[in-house]
Structures are given as structure tokens and as C-alpha cells.
């Protein structure tokens, strides 16, 4: 029996599926432990701030885009507000897209890229302005 178990484990490792199984298991364990925290939070009337949900959506989009599926599965299990969904923060996401002038052709990249690029551009512009003022 031990030989069969080892053979299955080796096959799953060779196929690259063992890490996926481990990731899903970690996500389920986090979900189980967090359910107690969520139950207590709900009983106490604690609601997750919308900003947390927006940031989580941006991070999940980034992880998915970059193929970090195991990390994404674990992250989803750790979220404190798993019952909330993207449509709860849709207006905020659309506002970010407008603020950072996200064009159609840039839509294939996660919004987080555009936000970081916008911040870096602003820092660069400020350095240029400060340099010319002195």
C-alpha cells in the first residue's frame, strides 16, 4: 500500500498537479478557520470596508493575469469578506478605470498596472517640476 501511495504521489508531482492540490487544501483550511472569524464578525456587526474589497479585487485580477493560480486560490480562501463580490464594488472599479484613463487596448492588463504606472508618472513629474524650480 505504501508503494501505491508513493507512486501516486510521484505521478501527481510529475504532472504538476500535487502543488495545485496542496494549494486547494490550504485554501480550504483557511476558509474553515476564517469561517469562525466571519461568524463572529457578522454577529458583532463588523463590515469589511469597501476599500478592502476593491484592493482584493485588484490583487485577484493581478494574480490571475500572471498565472499565480495557487496563490489566487489561497488568497480567495483567506479573504475576510468572501461573501462580497465584484459587483459590490463595480462603481469603485469603474471610477478607477476612468481616473487612470484606461483605454480599450490597455484593458488586457490588470488595472493595478495602470494605477502603479500613474503613481510612478506622477512621482517622475514631481521630480521634474522640483528640479526645474531650484
N, C-alpha and C. Protein backbone atom coordinates (compact mmCIF):
# COMPACT_ATOMS: atom_id res chain seq x y z
N UNK A 1 0.82 -1.20 0.00
CA UNK A 1 0.00 0.00 0.00
C UNK A 1 0.86 1.26 0.00
N UNK A 2 1.96 1.23 0.74
CA UNK A 2 2.86 2.37 0.79
C UNK A 2 3.46 2.64 -0.59
N UNK A 3 3.74 1.56 -1.34
CA UNK A 3 4.30 1.72 -2.68
C UNK A 3 3.30 2.40 -3.61
N UNK A 4 2.04 2.00 -3.51
CA UNK A 4 1.00 2.60 -4.33
C UNK A 4 0.84 4.09 -4.00
N UNK A 5 0.85 4.41 -2.73
CA UNK A 5 0.74 5.79 -2.28
C UNK A 5 1.90 6.63 -2.80
N UNK A 6 3.09 6.07 -2.72
CA UNK A 6 4.28 6.78 -3.21
C UNK A 6 4.23 6.96 -4.73
N UNK A 7 3.75 5.95 -5.44
CA UNK A 7 3.65 6.02 -6.90
C UNK A 7 2.64 7.10 -7.31
N UNK A 8 1.53 7.16 -6.61
CA UNK A 8 0.52 8.19 -6.92
C UNK A 8 1.08 9.58 -6.64
N UNK A 9 1.77 9.70 -5.51
CA UNK A 9 2.37 11.00 -5.16
C UNK A 9 3.38 11.42 -6.22
N UNK A 10 4.22 10.50 -6.65
CA UNK A 10 5.22 10.82 -7.68
C UNK A 10 4.56 11.21 -8.99
N UNK A 11 3.51 10.50 -9.36
CA UNK A 11 2.80 10.82 -10.61
C UNK A 11 2.17 12.20 -10.56
N UNK A 12 1.56 12.52 -9.42
CA UNK A 12 0.95 13.84 -9.26
C UNK A 12 2.00 14.95 -9.29
N UNK A 13 3.16 14.68 -8.69
CA UNK A 13 4.25 15.66 -8.75
C UNK A 13 4.75 15.84 -10.17
N UNK A 14 4.94 14.72 -10.88
CA UNK A 14 5.43 14.77 -12.26
C UNK A 14 4.46 15.53 -13.17
N UNK A 15 3.16 15.37 -12.93
CA UNK A 15 2.14 16.04 -13.74
C UNK A 15 1.92 17.49 -13.31
N UNK A 16 2.56 17.89 -12.21
CA UNK A 16 2.40 19.25 -11.72
C UNK A 16 1.09 19.48 -11.00
N UNK A 17 0.40 18.43 -10.64
CA UNK A 17 -0.91 18.55 -10.01
C UNK A 17 -0.85 18.53 -8.49
N UNK A 18 0.22 18.03 -7.93
CA UNK A 18 0.32 17.93 -6.48
C UNK A 18 0.32 19.31 -5.83
N UNK A 19 1.04 20.26 -6.41
CA UNK A 19 1.08 21.62 -5.85
C UNK A 19 -0.30 22.26 -5.91
N UNK A 20 -1.04 21.99 -6.98
CA UNK A 20 -2.40 22.52 -7.10
C UNK A 20 -3.29 21.94 -6.00
N UNK A 21 -3.16 20.66 -5.75
CA UNK A 21 -3.95 20.01 -4.70
C UNK A 21 -3.59 20.59 -3.34
N UNK A 22 -2.30 20.80 -3.11
CA UNK A 22 -1.86 21.40 -1.84
C UNK A 22 -2.42 22.81 -1.69
N UNK A 23 -2.41 23.57 -2.76
CA UNK A 23 -2.94 24.93 -2.74
C UNK A 23 -4.42 24.93 -2.40
N UNK A 24 -5.17 24.05 -3.04
CA UNK A 24 -6.61 23.96 -2.76
C UNK A 24 -6.86 23.54 -1.32
N UNK A 25 -6.04 22.63 -0.82
CA UNK A 25 -6.17 22.19 0.57
C UNK A 25 -5.90 23.34 1.54
N UNK A 26 -4.84 24.11 1.27
CA UNK A 26 -4.54 25.28 2.11
C UNK A 26 -5.70 26.27 2.09
N UNK A 27 -6.25 26.50 0.91
CA UNK A 27 -7.36 27.44 0.78
C UNK A 27 -8.56 26.96 1.60
N UNK A 28 -8.84 25.68 1.54
CA UNK A 28 -9.98 25.14 2.30
C UNK A 28 -9.73 25.23 3.81
N UNK A 29 -8.49 24.99 4.23
CA UNK A 29 -8.16 25.10 5.65
C UNK A 29 -8.34 26.55 6.12
N UNK A 30 -7.83 27.51 5.33
CA UNK A 30 -8.01 28.93 5.67
C UNK A 30 -9.49 29.28 5.72
N UNK A 31 -10.25 28.78 4.76
CA UNK A 31 -11.68 29.06 4.72
C UNK A 31 -12.37 28.54 5.97
N UNK A 32 -11.97 27.34 6.40
CA UNK A 32 -12.56 26.73 7.59
C UNK A 32 -12.26 27.58 8.82
N UNK A 33 -10.99 27.98 9.00
CA UNK A 33 -10.64 28.79 10.16
C UNK A 33 -11.25 30.18 10.08
N UNK A 34 -11.31 30.76 8.89
CA UNK A 34 -11.89 32.09 8.74
C UNK A 34 -13.39 32.10 8.93
N UNK A 35 -14.05 30.96 8.72
CA UNK A 35 -15.50 30.94 8.88
C UNK A 35 -15.87 31.30 10.32
N UNK A 36 -15.06 30.89 11.27
CA UNK A 36 -15.31 31.24 12.67
C UNK A 36 -15.14 32.75 12.86
N UNK A 37 -14.09 33.32 12.27
CA UNK A 37 -13.85 34.76 12.36
C UNK A 37 -15.00 35.51 11.70
N UNK A 38 -15.42 35.05 10.52
CA UNK A 38 -16.53 35.70 9.80
C UNK A 38 -17.83 35.61 10.58
N UNK A 39 -18.07 34.46 11.21
CA UNK A 39 -19.27 34.31 12.01
C UNK A 39 -19.27 35.30 13.17
N UNK A 40 -18.13 35.41 13.85
CA UNK A 40 -18.02 36.34 14.97
C UNK A 40 -18.15 37.78 14.50
N UNK A 41 -17.55 38.11 13.37
CA UNK A 41 -17.62 39.48 12.83
C UNK A 41 -19.05 39.82 12.47
N UNK A 42 -19.76 38.88 11.86
CA UNK A 42 -21.15 39.12 11.48
C UNK A 42 -22.03 39.33 12.70
N UNK A 43 -21.77 38.58 13.74
CA UNK A 43 -22.55 38.71 14.97
C UNK A 43 -22.31 40.05 15.63
N UNK A 44 -21.11 40.58 15.48
CA UNK A 44 -20.76 41.86 16.10
C UNK A 44 -21.07 43.04 15.18
N UNK A 45 -21.62 42.79 14.00
CA UNK A 45 -21.98 43.86 13.09
C UNK A 45 -20.79 44.50 12.40
N UNK A 46 -19.66 43.82 12.36
CA UNK A 46 -18.46 44.36 11.72
C UNK A 46 -18.57 44.10 10.22
N UNK A 47 -18.43 45.15 9.44
CA UNK A 47 -18.49 45.01 7.98
C UNK A 47 -17.14 45.37 7.39
N UNK A 48 -16.73 44.62 6.39
CA UNK A 48 -15.47 44.89 5.72
C UNK A 48 -15.57 46.19 4.94
N UNK A 49 -14.59 47.09 5.12
CA UNK A 49 -14.61 48.35 4.34
C UNK A 49 -14.55 48.07 2.84
N UNK A 50 -15.25 48.89 2.06
CA UNK A 50 -15.25 48.71 0.61
C UNK A 50 -13.85 48.78 0.03
N UNK A 51 -12.99 49.61 0.62
CA UNK A 51 -11.63 49.74 0.12
C UNK A 51 -10.91 48.39 0.15
N UNK A 52 -11.13 47.62 1.19
CA UNK A 52 -10.53 46.27 1.27
C UNK A 52 -10.99 45.41 0.11
N UNK A 53 -12.28 45.49 -0.20
CA UNK A 53 -12.84 44.67 -1.26
C UNK A 53 -12.28 45.11 -2.61
N UNK A 54 -12.16 46.42 -2.82
CA UNK A 54 -11.59 46.93 -4.07
C UNK A 54 -10.14 46.44 -4.23
N UNK A 55 -9.36 46.58 -3.18
CA UNK A 55 -7.95 46.15 -3.23
C UNK A 55 -7.87 44.65 -3.49
N UNK A 56 -8.70 43.88 -2.81
CA UNK A 56 -8.70 42.43 -3.03
C UNK A 56 -9.02 42.10 -4.49
N UNK A 57 -9.99 42.79 -5.07
CA UNK A 57 -10.33 42.54 -6.47
C UNK A 57 -9.15 42.86 -7.39
N UNK A 58 -8.44 43.95 -7.11
CA UNK A 58 -7.27 44.31 -7.91
C UNK A 58 -6.17 43.26 -7.79
N UNK A 59 -5.95 42.79 -6.57
CA UNK A 59 -4.92 41.76 -6.34
C UNK A 59 -5.31 40.46 -7.03
N UNK A 60 -6.57 40.07 -6.94
CA UNK A 60 -7.00 38.82 -7.58
C UNK A 60 -6.87 38.91 -9.10
N UNK A 61 -7.20 40.06 -9.67
CA UNK A 61 -7.05 40.26 -11.12
C UNK A 61 -5.57 40.13 -11.51
N UNK A 62 -4.69 40.72 -10.71
CA UNK A 62 -3.24 40.65 -10.95
C UNK A 62 -2.74 39.20 -10.87
N UNK A 63 -3.14 38.49 -9.82
CA UNK A 63 -2.69 37.11 -9.65
C UNK A 63 -3.16 36.22 -10.80
N UNK A 64 -4.41 36.39 -11.20
CA UNK A 64 -4.95 35.60 -12.31
C UNK A 64 -4.21 35.90 -13.60
N UNK A 65 -4.00 37.18 -13.89
CA UNK A 65 -3.31 37.60 -15.12
C UNK A 65 -1.91 37.00 -15.21
N UNK A 66 -1.22 36.93 -14.08
CA UNK A 66 0.16 36.45 -14.07
C UNK A 66 0.27 34.94 -13.84
N UNK A 67 -0.86 34.26 -13.80
CA UNK A 67 -0.85 32.81 -13.70
C UNK A 67 -0.52 32.27 -12.32
N UNK A 68 -0.70 33.08 -11.29
CA UNK A 68 -0.44 32.64 -9.92
C UNK A 68 -1.70 32.00 -9.34
N UNK A 69 -2.11 30.91 -9.97
CA UNK A 69 -3.39 30.29 -9.63
C UNK A 69 -3.40 29.70 -8.22
N UNK A 70 -2.29 29.09 -7.81
CA UNK A 70 -2.23 28.51 -6.45
C UNK A 70 -2.34 29.62 -5.41
N UNK A 71 -1.61 30.70 -5.64
CA UNK A 71 -1.67 31.84 -4.73
C UNK A 71 -3.07 32.45 -4.73
N UNK A 72 -3.68 32.54 -5.90
CA UNK A 72 -5.03 33.08 -6.02
C UNK A 72 -6.02 32.24 -5.22
N UNK A 73 -5.92 30.92 -5.34
CA UNK A 73 -6.84 30.04 -4.60
C UNK A 73 -6.67 30.22 -3.09
N UNK A 74 -5.42 30.33 -2.64
CA UNK A 74 -5.16 30.54 -1.22
C UNK A 74 -5.69 31.90 -0.79
N UNK A 75 -5.44 32.92 -1.60
CA UNK A 75 -5.89 34.27 -1.29
C UNK A 75 -7.40 34.33 -1.16
N UNK A 76 -8.09 33.68 -2.09
CA UNK A 76 -9.56 33.67 -2.04
C UNK A 76 -10.05 33.06 -0.74
N UNK A 77 -9.36 32.01 -0.28
CA UNK A 77 -9.76 31.36 0.96
C UNK A 77 -9.48 32.19 2.19
N UNK A 78 -8.51 33.09 2.11
CA UNK A 78 -8.13 33.91 3.26
C UNK A 78 -8.92 35.21 3.38
N UNK A 79 -9.61 35.59 2.31
CA UNK A 79 -10.32 36.86 2.35
C UNK A 79 -11.35 36.88 3.48
N UNK A 80 -11.43 38.00 4.14
CA UNK A 80 -12.34 38.15 5.28
C UNK A 80 -13.78 38.43 4.84
N UNK A 81 -14.00 38.65 3.57
CA UNK A 81 -15.32 39.06 3.09
C UNK A 81 -15.70 38.26 1.86
N UNK A 82 -15.48 36.96 1.92
CA UNK A 82 -15.71 36.11 0.75
C UNK A 82 -17.14 36.21 0.23
N UNK A 83 -18.06 36.58 1.09
CA UNK A 83 -19.46 36.68 0.63
C UNK A 83 -19.68 37.89 -0.25
N UNK A 84 -18.80 38.88 -0.19
CA UNK A 84 -18.91 40.06 -1.06
C UNK A 84 -18.32 39.71 -2.41
N UNK A 85 -18.86 40.32 -3.47
CA UNK A 85 -18.37 40.02 -4.80
C UNK A 85 -18.06 41.29 -5.55
N UNK A 86 -17.47 41.13 -6.72
CA UNK A 86 -17.01 42.27 -7.50
C UNK A 86 -18.12 43.26 -7.79
N UNK A 87 -19.35 42.78 -7.99
CA UNK A 87 -20.41 43.73 -8.31
C UNK A 87 -20.70 44.69 -7.15
N UNK A 88 -20.28 44.31 -5.93
CA UNK A 88 -20.44 45.20 -4.78
C UNK A 88 -19.54 46.42 -4.89
N UNK A 89 -18.47 46.31 -5.64
CA UNK A 89 -17.50 47.41 -5.78
C UNK A 89 -17.34 47.83 -7.24
N UNK A 90 -18.26 47.40 -8.08
CA UNK A 90 -18.19 47.75 -9.51
C UNK A 90 -18.05 49.23 -9.77
N UNK A 91 -18.84 50.09 -9.10
CA UNK A 91 -18.69 51.53 -9.34
C UNK A 91 -17.30 52.06 -8.98
N UNK A 92 -16.73 51.53 -7.90
CA UNK A 92 -15.40 51.98 -7.50
C UNK A 92 -14.35 51.56 -8.52
N UNK A 93 -14.47 50.34 -9.05
CA UNK A 93 -13.54 49.85 -10.06
C UNK A 93 -13.66 50.70 -11.33
N UNK A 94 -14.89 50.99 -11.74
CA UNK A 94 -15.11 51.82 -12.93
C UNK A 94 -14.54 53.23 -12.73
N UNK A 95 -14.68 53.75 -11.52
CA UNK A 95 -14.13 55.07 -11.21
C UNK A 95 -12.61 55.06 -11.33
N UNK A 96 -11.96 54.00 -10.87
CA UNK A 96 -10.51 53.89 -11.01
C UNK A 96 -10.11 53.83 -12.48
N UNK A 97 -10.87 53.09 -13.27
CA UNK A 97 -10.58 53.00 -14.70
C UNK A 97 -10.66 54.37 -15.35
N UNK A 98 -11.66 55.14 -14.96
CA UNK A 98 -11.80 56.49 -15.53
C UNK A 98 -10.70 57.41 -15.03
N UNK A 99 -10.38 57.33 -13.75
CA UNK A 99 -9.36 58.18 -13.16
C UNK A 99 -8.01 57.98 -13.84
N UNK A 100 -7.70 56.73 -14.15
CA UNK A 100 -6.41 56.43 -14.76
C UNK A 100 -6.52 56.29 -16.27
N UNK A 101 -7.63 56.79 -16.83
CA UNK A 101 -7.84 56.86 -18.28
C UNK A 101 -7.47 55.54 -18.96
N UNK A 102 -8.06 54.48 -18.48
CA UNK A 102 -7.79 53.17 -19.05
C UNK A 102 -8.42 53.07 -20.42
N UNK A 103 -7.57 52.89 -21.42
CA UNK A 103 -8.05 52.78 -22.80
C UNK A 103 -8.40 51.33 -23.10
N UNK A 104 -9.18 51.13 -24.17
CA UNK A 104 -9.62 49.77 -24.54
C UNK A 104 -8.44 48.82 -24.71
N UNK A 105 -7.38 49.25 -25.42
CA UNK A 105 -6.25 48.37 -25.69
C UNK A 105 -5.45 48.05 -24.43
N UNK A 106 -5.61 48.87 -23.40
CA UNK A 106 -4.90 48.61 -22.14
C UNK A 106 -5.71 47.70 -21.22
N UNK A 107 -6.91 47.39 -21.62
CA UNK A 107 -7.79 46.58 -20.79
C UNK A 107 -7.32 45.15 -20.62
N UNK A 108 -6.36 44.75 -21.43
CA UNK A 108 -5.90 43.35 -21.30
C UNK A 108 -4.95 43.20 -20.11
N UNK A 109 -4.43 44.31 -19.60
CA UNK A 109 -3.58 44.27 -18.42
C UNK A 109 -4.42 44.58 -17.19
N UNK A 110 -4.05 44.02 -16.04
CA UNK A 110 -4.80 44.33 -14.82
C UNK A 110 -4.78 45.82 -14.51
N UNK A 111 -5.84 46.29 -13.93
CA UNK A 111 -5.98 47.69 -13.57
C UNK A 111 -4.86 48.12 -12.61
N UNK A 112 -4.39 47.21 -11.80
CA UNK A 112 -3.32 47.52 -10.86
C UNK A 112 -2.08 48.04 -11.57
N UNK A 113 -1.78 47.52 -12.77
CA UNK A 113 -0.64 48.00 -13.55
C UNK A 113 -0.81 49.49 -13.87
N UNK A 114 -2.00 49.87 -14.30
CA UNK A 114 -2.27 51.25 -14.69
C UNK A 114 -2.19 52.18 -13.48
N UNK A 115 -2.68 51.72 -12.35
CA UNK A 115 -2.63 52.53 -11.13
C UNK A 115 -1.18 52.78 -10.72
N UNK A 116 -0.37 51.73 -10.70
CA UNK A 116 1.04 51.88 -10.33
C UNK A 116 1.76 52.77 -11.33
N UNK A 117 1.49 52.58 -12.63
CA UNK A 117 2.11 53.42 -13.65
C UNK A 117 1.72 54.88 -13.47
N UNK A 118 0.47 55.13 -13.14
CA UNK A 118 0.01 56.50 -12.89
C UNK A 118 0.73 57.14 -11.71
N UNK A 119 0.94 56.37 -10.66
CA UNK A 119 1.66 56.88 -9.49
C UNK A 119 3.12 57.16 -9.84
N UNK A 120 3.75 56.23 -10.56
CA UNK A 120 5.14 56.43 -10.97
C UNK A 120 5.28 57.65 -11.88
N UNK A 121 4.33 57.84 -12.80
CA UNK A 121 4.36 59.02 -13.67
C UNK A 121 4.24 60.30 -12.85
N UNK A 122 3.37 60.30 -11.85
CA UNK A 122 3.20 61.47 -11.00
C UNK A 122 4.47 61.77 -10.22
N UNK A 123 5.12 60.75 -9.69
CA UNK A 123 6.37 60.93 -8.95
C UNK A 123 7.44 61.49 -9.89
N UNK A 124 7.53 60.94 -11.09
CA UNK A 124 8.51 61.40 -12.07
C UNK A 124 8.25 62.86 -12.43
N UNK A 125 6.99 63.22 -12.62
CA UNK A 125 6.63 64.59 -12.96
C UNK A 125 6.97 65.54 -11.81
N UNK A 126 6.70 65.11 -10.57
CA UNK A 126 7.02 65.94 -9.42
C UNK A 126 8.52 66.17 -9.30
N UNK A 127 9.31 65.13 -9.56
CA UNK A 127 10.76 65.28 -9.51
C UNK A 127 11.22 66.27 -10.57
N UNK A 128 10.62 66.19 -11.75
CA UNK A 128 10.98 67.10 -12.85
C UNK A 128 10.63 68.54 -12.50
N UNK A 129 9.44 68.74 -11.93
CA UNK A 129 9.00 70.08 -11.52
C UNK A 129 9.90 70.62 -10.43
N UNK A 130 10.18 69.79 -9.42
CA UNK A 130 11.04 70.22 -8.31
C UNK A 130 12.44 70.56 -8.80
N UNK A 131 12.95 69.80 -9.74
CA UNK A 131 14.28 70.02 -10.29
C UNK A 131 14.33 71.37 -11.02
N UNK A 132 13.28 71.71 -11.76
CA UNK A 132 13.24 72.96 -12.51
C UNK A 132 12.96 74.17 -11.61
N UNK A 133 12.40 73.95 -10.45
CA UNK A 133 12.10 75.06 -9.53
C UNK A 133 13.30 75.47 -8.70
N UNK A 134 14.33 74.68 -8.67
CA UNK A 134 15.50 75.00 -7.84
C UNK A 134 16.69 75.36 -8.67
